[in-house]
Amino acid sequence: MTVTIYFGSDEWTGPRSLFDMMEVKDPRILACMDNYHLRLIAPAQMSDEEIMKFRSSLREVLLFIKHSKNPENLNWILKDNEQRFREMERRAVDVIEVITNTGLKYEESEMKIDVCEAIQKMREESERQGELNGELKKAQEDARNFYNLGVDIETIAKGVGYAVDVVKGWIGLSPDMQ
């Protein structure tokens, strides 16, 4: 028996049998042929109960993929299956990362990965990056406002904590202008 595993988080839209792939609709011709059906494992079209029947790390891979586009559901799945997600095989986590492109980070040498911890680190890093982006935007806005008030570039640069050339770039001045 051949089984196809579709690792996408969207529903499978491809054909499910040999006849589905063919444009032949004549019942006389079809009667002479065998119709081979696709045995498909597609996480988006499976219930969590069906996925939970797997006894290998494929279970966690399919659950993660299925719920990867819904952070609330993913959090619930991670909590409900915390022990298994805290000790995942590296190869299974590699599959999750490649399929979902979530940005999970872990040491290359680790053989067992704590996915819950990796997700927490990813979220903290994202929050830090958001804070840094917010601070940068605030510094740029302040620099433009002070420039519009007539404050000299050197004073603005000291005030916002960036180099004079950087501040000039924000304001739209060339490096050799005051």
N, C-alpha and C. Protein backbone atom coordinates (compact mmCIF):
# COMPACT_ATOMS: atom_id res chain seq x y z
N MET A 1 0.85 -1.17 0.00
CA MET A 1 0.00 0.00 0.00
C MET A 1 0.89 1.23 0.00
N THR A 2 0.54 2.20 -0.81
CA THR A 2 1.27 3.46 -0.88
C THR A 2 0.44 4.54 -0.19
N VAL A 3 1.10 5.31 0.67
CA VAL A 3 0.44 6.40 1.37
C VAL A 3 1.18 7.69 1.02
N THR A 4 0.42 8.73 0.76
CA THR A 4 0.99 10.03 0.47
C THR A 4 0.76 10.93 1.67
N ILE A 5 1.83 11.58 2.12
CA ILE A 5 1.71 12.54 3.22
C ILE A 5 1.86 13.92 2.62
N TYR A 6 0.84 14.72 2.79
CA TYR A 6 0.85 16.11 2.34
C TYR A 6 1.17 16.97 3.55
N PHE A 7 2.32 17.63 3.53
CA PHE A 7 2.78 18.40 4.67
C PHE A 7 2.31 19.84 4.66
N GLY A 8 1.43 20.22 3.76
CA GLY A 8 0.93 21.59 3.72
C GLY A 8 -0.06 21.85 4.84
N SER A 9 -0.17 23.12 5.24
CA SER A 9 -1.14 23.48 6.27
C SER A 9 -2.50 23.81 5.66
N ASP A 10 -2.56 23.91 4.35
CA ASP A 10 -3.82 24.14 3.66
C ASP A 10 -4.42 22.79 3.26
N GLU A 11 -5.68 22.81 2.87
CA GLU A 11 -6.33 21.57 2.46
C GLU A 11 -5.78 21.07 1.13
N TRP A 12 -5.74 19.77 0.97
CA TRP A 12 -5.32 19.12 -0.28
C TRP A 12 -6.38 19.39 -1.33
N THR A 13 -5.97 19.91 -2.48
CA THR A 13 -6.93 20.20 -3.55
C THR A 13 -6.64 19.37 -4.80
N GLY A 14 -5.66 18.51 -4.72
CA GLY A 14 -5.30 17.70 -5.88
C GLY A 14 -6.22 16.51 -6.06
N PRO A 15 -6.02 15.77 -7.13
CA PRO A 15 -6.85 14.58 -7.39
C PRO A 15 -6.65 13.53 -6.30
N ARG A 16 -7.68 12.70 -6.11
CA ARG A 16 -7.63 11.66 -5.09
C ARG A 16 -7.73 10.26 -5.68
N SER A 17 -7.75 10.18 -7.01
CA SER A 17 -7.77 8.87 -7.65
C SER A 17 -7.25 9.00 -9.08
N LEU A 18 -6.96 7.88 -9.68
CA LEU A 18 -6.49 7.88 -11.06
C LEU A 18 -7.56 8.49 -11.98
N PHE A 19 -8.82 8.13 -11.76
CA PHE A 19 -9.89 8.67 -12.59
C PHE A 19 -10.00 10.19 -12.44
N ASP A 20 -9.74 10.71 -11.24
CA ASP A 20 -9.78 12.16 -11.03
C ASP A 20 -8.72 12.88 -11.87
N MET A 21 -7.65 12.18 -12.20
CA MET A 21 -6.55 12.78 -12.98
C MET A 21 -6.82 12.75 -14.47
N MET A 22 -7.79 11.96 -14.88
CA MET A 22 -8.03 11.75 -16.31
C MET A 22 -9.22 12.57 -16.79
N GLU A 23 -9.17 12.90 -18.05
CA GLU A 23 -10.29 13.61 -18.66
C GLU A 23 -11.28 12.64 -19.30
N VAL A 24 -10.96 11.38 -19.27
CA VAL A 24 -11.84 10.36 -19.86
C VAL A 24 -13.06 10.18 -18.95
N LYS A 25 -14.24 10.31 -19.52
CA LYS A 25 -15.48 10.16 -18.75
C LYS A 25 -16.37 9.05 -19.32
N ASP A 26 -15.94 8.48 -20.43
CA ASP A 26 -16.73 7.43 -21.08
C ASP A 26 -16.75 6.18 -20.18
N PRO A 27 -17.92 5.78 -19.70
CA PRO A 27 -18.01 4.63 -18.79
C PRO A 27 -17.51 3.32 -19.40
N ARG A 28 -17.57 3.18 -20.72
CA ARG A 28 -17.08 1.95 -21.36
C ARG A 28 -15.57 1.85 -21.24
N ILE A 29 -14.88 2.97 -21.37
CA ILE A 29 -13.42 2.97 -21.24
C ILE A 29 -13.04 2.81 -19.77
N LEU A 30 -13.71 3.54 -18.91
CA LEU A 30 -13.41 3.47 -17.48
C LEU A 30 -13.64 2.07 -16.92
N ALA A 31 -14.61 1.34 -17.48
CA ALA A 31 -14.90 -0.02 -17.02
C ALA A 31 -13.73 -0.97 -17.28
N CYS A 32 -12.88 -0.62 -18.22
CA CYS A 32 -11.72 -1.46 -18.56
C CYS A 32 -10.48 -1.12 -17.72
N MET A 33 -10.61 -0.13 -16.86
CA MET A 33 -9.45 0.34 -16.11
C MET A 33 -9.67 0.19 -14.61
N ASP A 34 -8.58 0.06 -13.90
CA ASP A 34 -8.65 0.07 -12.44
C ASP A 34 -8.50 1.52 -11.98
N ASN A 35 -9.28 1.89 -10.98
CA ASN A 35 -9.20 3.24 -10.42
C ASN A 35 -8.39 3.17 -9.13
N TYR A 36 -7.19 3.65 -9.17
CA TYR A 36 -6.32 3.63 -7.99
C TYR A 36 -6.58 4.87 -7.16
N HIS A 37 -6.95 4.64 -5.91
CA HIS A 37 -7.26 5.75 -5.00
C HIS A 37 -6.02 6.17 -4.23
N LEU A 38 -5.93 7.46 -3.98
CA LEU A 38 -4.83 8.03 -3.22
C LEU A 38 -5.12 7.87 -1.74
N ARG A 39 -4.22 7.22 -1.05
CA ARG A 39 -4.32 7.13 0.41
C ARG A 39 -3.53 8.32 0.95
N LEU A 40 -4.26 9.27 1.48
CA LEU A 40 -3.69 10.58 1.78
C LEU A 40 -3.73 10.88 3.27
N ILE A 41 -2.61 11.38 3.75
CA ILE A 41 -2.54 11.95 5.10
C ILE A 41 -2.33 13.44 4.88
N ALA A 42 -3.34 14.23 5.23
CA ALA A 42 -3.29 15.69 5.06
C ALA A 42 -3.76 16.33 6.36
N PRO A 43 -2.86 16.94 7.14
CA PRO A 43 -3.23 17.43 8.48
C PRO A 43 -4.42 18.38 8.51
N ALA A 44 -4.55 19.24 7.53
CA ALA A 44 -5.65 20.21 7.54
C ALA A 44 -7.02 19.54 7.42
N GLN A 45 -7.05 18.33 6.89
CA GLN A 45 -8.31 17.64 6.68
C GLN A 45 -8.54 16.51 7.68
N MET A 46 -7.67 16.46 8.68
CA MET A 46 -7.80 15.42 9.70
C MET A 46 -8.22 16.07 11.02
N SER A 47 -8.99 15.34 11.80
CA SER A 47 -9.31 15.83 13.14
C SER A 47 -8.09 15.61 14.02
N ASP A 48 -8.03 16.35 15.11
CA ASP A 48 -6.93 16.16 16.06
C ASP A 48 -6.94 14.73 16.60
N GLU A 49 -8.13 14.17 16.78
CA GLU A 49 -8.24 12.80 17.29
C GLU A 49 -7.61 11.81 16.31
N GLU A 50 -7.81 12.02 15.02
CA GLU A 50 -7.19 11.14 14.02
C GLU A 50 -5.67 11.28 14.07
N ILE A 51 -5.18 12.50 14.17
CA ILE A 51 -3.73 12.73 14.23
C ILE A 51 -3.14 12.10 15.48
N MET A 52 -3.88 12.15 16.59
CA MET A 52 -3.37 11.62 17.86
C MET A 52 -3.20 10.09 17.82
N LYS A 53 -3.74 9.43 16.82
CA LYS A 53 -3.58 7.97 16.70
C LYS A 53 -2.16 7.58 16.28
N PHE A 54 -1.42 8.52 15.71
CA PHE A 54 -0.04 8.23 15.34
C PHE A 54 0.79 8.07 16.62
N ARG A 55 1.75 7.19 16.59
CA ARG A 55 2.56 6.92 17.78
C ARG A 55 4.01 7.35 17.62
N SER A 56 4.31 8.02 16.56
CA SER A 56 5.68 8.51 16.33
C SER A 56 5.66 10.03 16.38
N SER A 57 6.80 10.64 16.17
CA SER A 57 6.88 12.10 16.17
C SER A 57 6.10 12.71 15.00
N LEU A 58 5.65 11.87 14.07
CA LEU A 58 4.80 12.37 12.98
C LEU A 58 3.54 13.01 13.57
N ARG A 59 3.10 12.51 14.72
CA ARG A 59 1.92 13.07 15.39
C ARG A 59 2.12 14.55 15.68
N GLU A 60 3.23 14.90 16.32
CA GLU A 60 3.49 16.29 16.68
C GLU A 60 3.74 17.14 15.44
N VAL A 61 4.41 16.56 14.45
CA VAL A 61 4.67 17.29 13.20
C VAL A 61 3.34 17.67 12.55
N LEU A 62 2.42 16.70 12.43
CA LEU A 62 1.13 16.96 11.79
C LEU A 62 0.29 17.95 12.60
N LEU A 63 0.29 17.80 13.93
CA LEU A 63 -0.45 18.74 14.78
C LEU A 63 0.08 20.16 14.63
N PHE A 64 1.40 20.29 14.64
CA PHE A 64 2.01 21.61 14.52
C PHE A 64 1.67 22.23 13.18
N ILE A 65 1.81 21.45 12.11
CA ILE A 65 1.51 21.96 10.77
C ILE A 65 0.04 22.37 10.68
N LYS A 66 -0.85 21.52 11.16
CA LYS A 66 -2.28 21.80 11.08
C LYS A 66 -2.64 23.13 11.75
N HIS A 67 -2.03 23.40 12.90
CA HIS A 67 -2.41 24.58 13.68
C HIS A 67 -1.42 25.74 13.54
N SER A 68 -0.46 25.63 12.66
CA SER A 68 0.60 26.63 12.55
C SER A 68 0.11 28.01 12.14
N LYS A 69 -1.01 28.09 11.46
CA LYS A 69 -1.52 29.40 11.01
C LYS A 69 -2.44 30.05 12.03
N ASN A 70 -2.72 29.35 13.14
CA ASN A 70 -3.61 29.88 14.17
C ASN A 70 -2.88 29.83 15.51
N PRO A 71 -2.24 30.94 15.92
CA PRO A 71 -1.44 30.94 17.15
C PRO A 71 -2.20 30.49 18.40
N GLU A 72 -3.47 30.83 18.48
CA GLU A 72 -4.26 30.43 19.66
C GLU A 72 -4.41 28.91 19.71
N ASN A 73 -4.77 28.30 18.58
CA ASN A 73 -4.88 26.84 18.53
C ASN A 73 -3.53 26.18 18.75
N LEU A 74 -2.48 26.75 18.18
CA LEU A 74 -1.14 26.18 18.35
C LEU A 74 -0.74 26.19 19.82
N ASN A 75 -1.01 27.29 20.52
CA ASN A 75 -0.71 27.35 21.96
C ASN A 75 -1.45 26.27 22.71
N TRP A 76 -2.72 26.06 22.37
CA TRP A 76 -3.51 25.03 23.03
C TRP A 76 -2.91 23.64 22.78
N ILE A 77 -2.53 23.38 21.53
CA ILE A 77 -1.95 22.08 21.16
C ILE A 77 -0.63 21.86 21.91
N LEU A 78 0.20 22.91 21.98
CA LEU A 78 1.49 22.79 22.68
C LEU A 78 1.27 22.51 24.16
N LYS A 79 0.31 23.17 24.77
CA LYS A 79 0.03 22.96 26.19
C LYS A 79 -0.53 21.57 26.43
N ASP A 80 -1.47 21.18 25.58
CA ASP A 80 -2.14 19.90 25.76
C ASP A 80 -1.20 18.71 25.55
N ASN A 81 -0.15 18.90 24.78
CA ASN A 81 0.81 17.83 24.47
C ASN A 81 2.23 18.24 24.88
N GLU A 82 2.30 19.00 25.95
CA GLU A 82 3.55 19.64 26.35
C GLU A 82 4.73 18.67 26.48
N GLN A 83 4.52 17.55 27.14
CA GLN A 83 5.63 16.62 27.37
C GLN A 83 6.25 16.15 26.06
N ARG A 84 5.43 15.81 25.09
CA ARG A 84 5.97 15.32 23.81
C ARG A 84 6.66 16.44 23.03
N PHE A 85 6.12 17.69 23.11
CA PHE A 85 6.75 18.80 22.40
C PHE A 85 8.02 19.28 23.11
N ARG A 86 8.21 18.93 24.35
CA ARG A 86 9.42 19.33 25.08
C ARG A 86 10.59 18.40 24.81
N GLU A 87 10.33 17.26 24.19
CA GLU A 87 11.39 16.28 23.92
C GLU A 87 11.28 15.75 22.50
N MET A 88 11.25 16.64 21.53
CA MET A 88 11.07 16.20 20.15
C MET A 88 12.40 15.84 19.49
N GLU A 89 12.33 14.87 18.61
CA GLU A 89 13.51 14.49 17.83
C GLU A 89 13.88 15.65 16.92
N ARG A 90 15.17 15.84 16.79
CA ARG A 90 15.67 16.94 15.98
C ARG A 90 15.15 16.89 14.55
N ARG A 91 15.12 15.71 13.96
CA ARG A 91 14.67 15.59 12.57
C ARG A 91 13.21 16.01 12.43
N ALA A 92 12.38 15.71 13.42
CA ALA A 92 10.98 16.11 13.38
C ALA A 92 10.86 17.63 13.46
N VAL A 93 11.68 18.24 14.30
CA VAL A 93 11.67 19.71 14.43
C VAL A 93 12.18 20.34 13.13
N ASP A 94 13.18 19.73 12.51
CA ASP A 94 13.66 20.22 11.21
C ASP A 94 12.53 20.23 10.18
N VAL A 95 11.71 19.17 10.18
CA VAL A 95 10.58 19.10 9.25
C VAL A 95 9.60 20.23 9.55
N ILE A 96 9.27 20.43 10.83
CA ILE A 96 8.35 21.50 11.22
C ILE A 96 8.89 22.84 10.74
N GLU A 97 10.17 23.08 10.96
CA GLU A 97 10.77 24.37 10.60
C GLU A 97 10.74 24.59 9.10
N VAL A 98 11.08 23.57 8.33
CA VAL A 98 11.10 23.71 6.87
C VAL A 98 9.69 23.93 6.32
N ILE A 99 8.72 23.20 6.84
CA ILE A 99 7.35 23.27 6.33
C ILE A 99 6.68 24.58 6.74
N THR A 100 6.81 24.96 8.01
CA THR A 100 6.05 26.12 8.51
C THR A 100 6.85 27.42 8.50
N ASN A 101 8.15 27.32 8.37
CA ASN A 101 9.01 28.51 8.35
C ASN A 101 8.71 29.44 9.54
N THR A 102 8.61 28.85 10.72
CA THR A 102 8.24 29.61 11.91
C THR A 102 9.41 30.36 12.54
N GLY A 103 10.63 30.00 12.19
CA GLY A 103 11.77 30.68 12.79
C GLY A 103 12.24 30.05 14.08
N LEU A 104 11.93 28.77 14.28
CA LEU A 104 12.40 28.08 15.49
C LEU A 104 13.92 28.05 15.49
N LYS A 105 14.49 28.36 16.64
CA LYS A 105 15.96 28.34 16.75
C LYS A 105 16.36 27.35 17.82
N TYR A 106 17.38 26.56 17.50
CA TYR A 106 17.89 25.58 18.44
C TYR A 106 19.33 25.27 18.06
N GLU A 107 20.05 24.71 18.99
CA GLU A 107 21.46 24.38 18.77
C GLU A 107 21.58 23.25 17.76
N GLU A 108 22.53 23.39 16.84
CA GLU A 108 22.74 22.37 15.81
C GLU A 108 23.10 21.01 16.41
N SER A 109 23.74 21.01 17.57
CA SER A 109 24.21 19.77 18.18
C SER A 109 23.12 19.04 18.97
N GLU A 110 22.00 19.71 19.25
CA GLU A 110 20.94 19.09 20.04
C GLU A 110 20.26 17.97 19.26
N MET A 111 20.03 16.86 19.94
CA MET A 111 19.32 15.75 19.32
C MET A 111 17.85 15.74 19.74
N LYS A 112 17.57 16.26 20.93
CA LYS A 112 16.19 16.42 21.41
C LYS A 112 15.96 17.92 21.57
N ILE A 113 14.84 18.40 21.06
CA ILE A 113 14.55 19.83 21.05
C ILE A 113 13.31 20.09 21.89
N ASP A 114 13.37 21.14 22.70
CA ASP A 114 12.21 21.61 23.45
C ASP A 114 11.52 22.66 22.59
N VAL A 115 10.50 22.25 21.84
CA VAL A 115 9.81 23.13 20.91
C VAL A 115 9.11 24.26 21.66
N CYS A 116 8.57 23.97 22.83
CA CYS A 116 7.89 25.01 23.62
C CYS A 116 8.87 26.13 23.97
N GLU A 117 10.07 25.75 24.40
CA GLU A 117 11.10 26.75 24.73
C GLU A 117 11.56 27.49 23.48
N ALA A 118 11.72 26.78 22.37
CA ALA A 118 12.14 27.42 21.12
C ALA A 118 11.11 28.45 20.66
N ILE A 119 9.84 28.14 20.81
CA ILE A 119 8.79 29.08 20.42
C ILE A 119 8.80 30.28 21.36
N GLN A 120 9.00 30.03 22.67
CA GLN A 120 9.06 31.14 23.62
C GLN A 120 10.22 32.08 23.29
N LYS A 121 11.38 31.52 22.97
CA LYS A 121 12.54 32.33 22.59
C LYS A 121 12.25 33.13 21.32
N MET A 122 11.59 32.49 20.35
CA MET A 122 11.25 33.15 19.10
C MET A 122 10.32 34.33 19.37
N ARG A 123 9.33 34.14 20.24
CA ARG A 123 8.40 35.23 20.56
C ARG A 123 9.10 36.37 21.28
N GLU A 124 10.00 36.03 22.23
CA GLU A 124 10.73 37.07 22.96
C GLU A 124 11.61 37.87 22.01
N GLU A 125 12.27 37.17 21.08
CA GLU A 125 13.12 37.85 20.10
C GLU A 125 12.28 38.77 19.21
N SER A 126 11.11 38.30 18.82
CA SER A 126 10.21 39.10 18.00
C SER A 126 9.76 40.35 18.75
N GLU A 127 9.45 40.20 20.04
CA GLU A 127 9.05 41.34 20.85
C GLU A 127 10.20 42.34 20.98
N ARG A 128 11.41 41.82 21.23
CA ARG A 128 12.59 42.70 21.34
C ARG A 128 12.82 43.45 20.03
N GLN A 129 12.68 42.74 18.92
CA GLN A 129 12.86 43.38 17.62
C GLN A 129 11.80 44.45 17.41
N GLY A 130 10.59 44.18 17.83
CA GLY A 130 9.52 45.17 17.73
C GLY A 130 9.81 46.40 18.58
N GLU A 131 10.34 46.17 19.78
CA GLU A 131 10.71 47.30 20.65
C GLU A 131 11.83 48.12 20.02
N LEU A 132 12.83 47.44 19.47
CA LEU A 132 13.94 48.15 18.82
C LEU A 132 13.44 48.96 17.63
N ASN A 133 12.56 48.36 16.84
CA ASN A 133 11.99 49.08 15.69
C ASN A 133 11.21 50.29 16.16
N GLY A 134 10.48 50.14 17.26
CA GLY A 134 9.72 51.25 17.81
C GLY A 134 10.64 52.37 18.30
N GLU A 135 11.73 51.98 18.96
CA GLU A 135 12.70 52.98 19.44
C GLU A 135 13.36 53.71 18.28
N LEU A 136 13.69 52.98 17.21
CA LEU A 136 14.31 53.60 16.04
C LEU A 136 13.34 54.59 15.40
N LYS A 137 12.08 54.18 15.22
CA LYS A 137 11.09 55.08 14.62
C LYS A 137 10.91 56.33 15.47
N LYS A 138 10.91 56.16 16.79
CA LYS A 138 10.77 57.31 17.69
C LYS A 138 11.96 58.25 17.54
N ALA A 139 13.18 57.69 17.48
CA ALA A 139 14.38 58.52 17.31
C ALA A 139 14.33 59.27 15.98
N GLN A 140 13.89 58.60 14.91
CA GLN A 140 13.79 59.25 13.60
C GLN A 140 12.76 60.38 13.63
N GLU A 141 11.63 60.11 14.25
CA GLU A 141 10.58 61.13 14.36
C GLU A 141 11.07 62.34 15.17
N ASP A 142 11.73 62.05 16.31
CA ASP A 142 12.26 63.13 17.14
C ASP A 142 13.29 63.96 16.38
N ALA A 143 14.16 63.29 15.64
CA ALA A 143 15.20 64.00 14.88
C ALA A 143 14.56 64.93 13.85
N ARG A 144 13.57 64.44 13.13
CA ARG A 144 12.90 65.29 12.13
C ARG A 144 12.20 66.48 12.80
N ASN A 145 11.54 66.23 13.92
CA ASN A 145 10.84 67.30 14.62
C ASN A 145 11.81 68.37 15.12
N PHE A 146 12.92 67.94 15.73
CA PHE A 146 13.90 68.91 16.22
C PHE A 146 14.55 69.68 15.07
N TYR A 147 14.78 69.00 13.95
CA TYR A 147 15.35 69.68 12.79
C TYR A 147 14.39 70.76 12.28
N ASN A 148 13.10 70.41 12.24
CA ASN A 148 12.08 71.37 11.80
C ASN A 148 11.97 72.56 12.77
N LEU A 149 12.36 72.36 14.02
CA LEU A 149 12.36 73.45 15.00
C LEU A 149 13.64 74.29 14.93
N GLY A 150 14.59 73.87 14.09
CA GLY A 150 15.82 74.64 13.91
C GLY A 150 16.99 74.20 14.76
N VAL A 151 16.88 73.07 15.41
CA VAL A 151 18.00 72.56 16.22
C VAL A 151 19.07 72.03 15.29
N ASP A 152 20.36 72.31 15.62
CA ASP A 152 21.45 71.88 14.73
C ASP A 152 21.63 70.36 14.78
N ILE A 153 22.15 69.82 13.69
CA ILE A 153 22.26 68.37 13.48
C ILE A 153 23.10 67.69 14.57
N GLU A 154 24.22 68.29 14.96
CA GLU A 154 25.09 67.68 15.97
C GLU A 154 24.34 67.51 17.30
N THR A 155 23.58 68.52 17.69
CA THR A 155 22.81 68.46 18.94
C THR A 155 21.73 67.39 18.84
N ILE A 156 21.07 67.33 17.70
CA ILE A 156 20.03 66.31 17.49
C ILE A 156 20.65 64.91 17.60
N ALA A 157 21.79 64.72 16.93
CA ALA A 157 22.46 63.41 16.95
C ALA A 157 22.80 63.00 18.37
N LYS A 158 23.35 63.91 19.16
CA LYS A 158 23.66 63.61 20.56
C LYS A 158 22.38 63.27 21.33
N GLY A 159 21.33 64.03 21.08
CA GLY A 159 20.08 63.83 21.80
C GLY A 159 19.41 62.49 21.52
N VAL A 160 19.45 62.05 20.28
CA VAL A 160 18.79 60.79 19.94
C VAL A 160 19.74 59.60 20.02
N GLY A 161 21.04 59.88 20.20
CA GLY A 161 22.01 58.80 20.38
C GLY A 161 22.44 58.08 19.12
N TYR A 162 22.46 58.80 18.00
CA TYR A 162 22.90 58.22 16.74
C TYR A 162 23.95 59.13 16.11
N ALA A 163 24.72 58.58 15.17
CA ALA A 163 25.77 59.34 14.50
C ALA A 163 25.16 60.45 13.65
N VAL A 164 25.93 61.52 13.47
CA VAL A 164 25.47 62.68 12.70
C VAL A 164 25.08 62.27 11.29
N ASP A 165 25.89 61.43 10.62
CA ASP A 165 25.57 61.00 9.25
C ASP A 165 24.26 60.21 9.19
N VAL A 166 23.99 59.42 10.21
CA VAL A 166 22.75 58.65 10.26
C VAL A 166 21.56 59.61 10.36
N VAL A 167 21.67 60.58 11.26
CA VAL A 167 20.59 61.57 11.45
C VAL A 167 20.38 62.37 10.18
N LYS A 168 21.46 62.75 9.52
CA LYS A 168 21.33 63.48 8.25
C LYS A 168 20.56 62.64 7.23
N GLY A 169 20.82 61.34 7.20
CA GLY A 169 20.10 60.45 6.29
C GLY A 169 18.61 60.41 6.59
N TRP A 170 18.26 60.40 7.86
CA TRP A 170 16.85 60.39 8.24
C TRP A 170 16.14 61.66 7.79
N ILE A 171 16.86 62.76 7.90
CA ILE A 171 16.27 64.06 7.56
C ILE A 171 16.28 64.31 6.06
N GLY A 172 17.14 63.58 5.36
CA GLY A 172 17.21 63.75 3.92
C GLY A 172 18.32 64.68 3.48
N LEU A 173 19.31 64.90 4.36
CA LEU A 173 20.44 65.74 4.02
C LEU A 173 21.60 64.87 3.57
N SER A 174 22.40 65.38 2.66
CA SER A 174 23.61 64.65 2.27
C SER A 174 24.64 64.80 3.41
N PRO A 175 25.56 63.85 3.54
CA PRO A 175 26.54 63.87 4.65
C PRO A 175 27.36 65.17 4.74
N ASP A 176 27.57 65.89 3.64
CA ASP A 176 28.41 67.09 3.70
C ASP A 176 27.59 68.36 3.99
N MET A 177 26.27 68.24 4.20
CA MET A 177 25.42 69.40 4.49
C MET A 177 25.19 69.54 5.99
N GLN A 178 24.92 70.76 6.43
CA GLN A 178 24.62 71.02 7.84
C GLN A 178 23.15 71.08 8.08
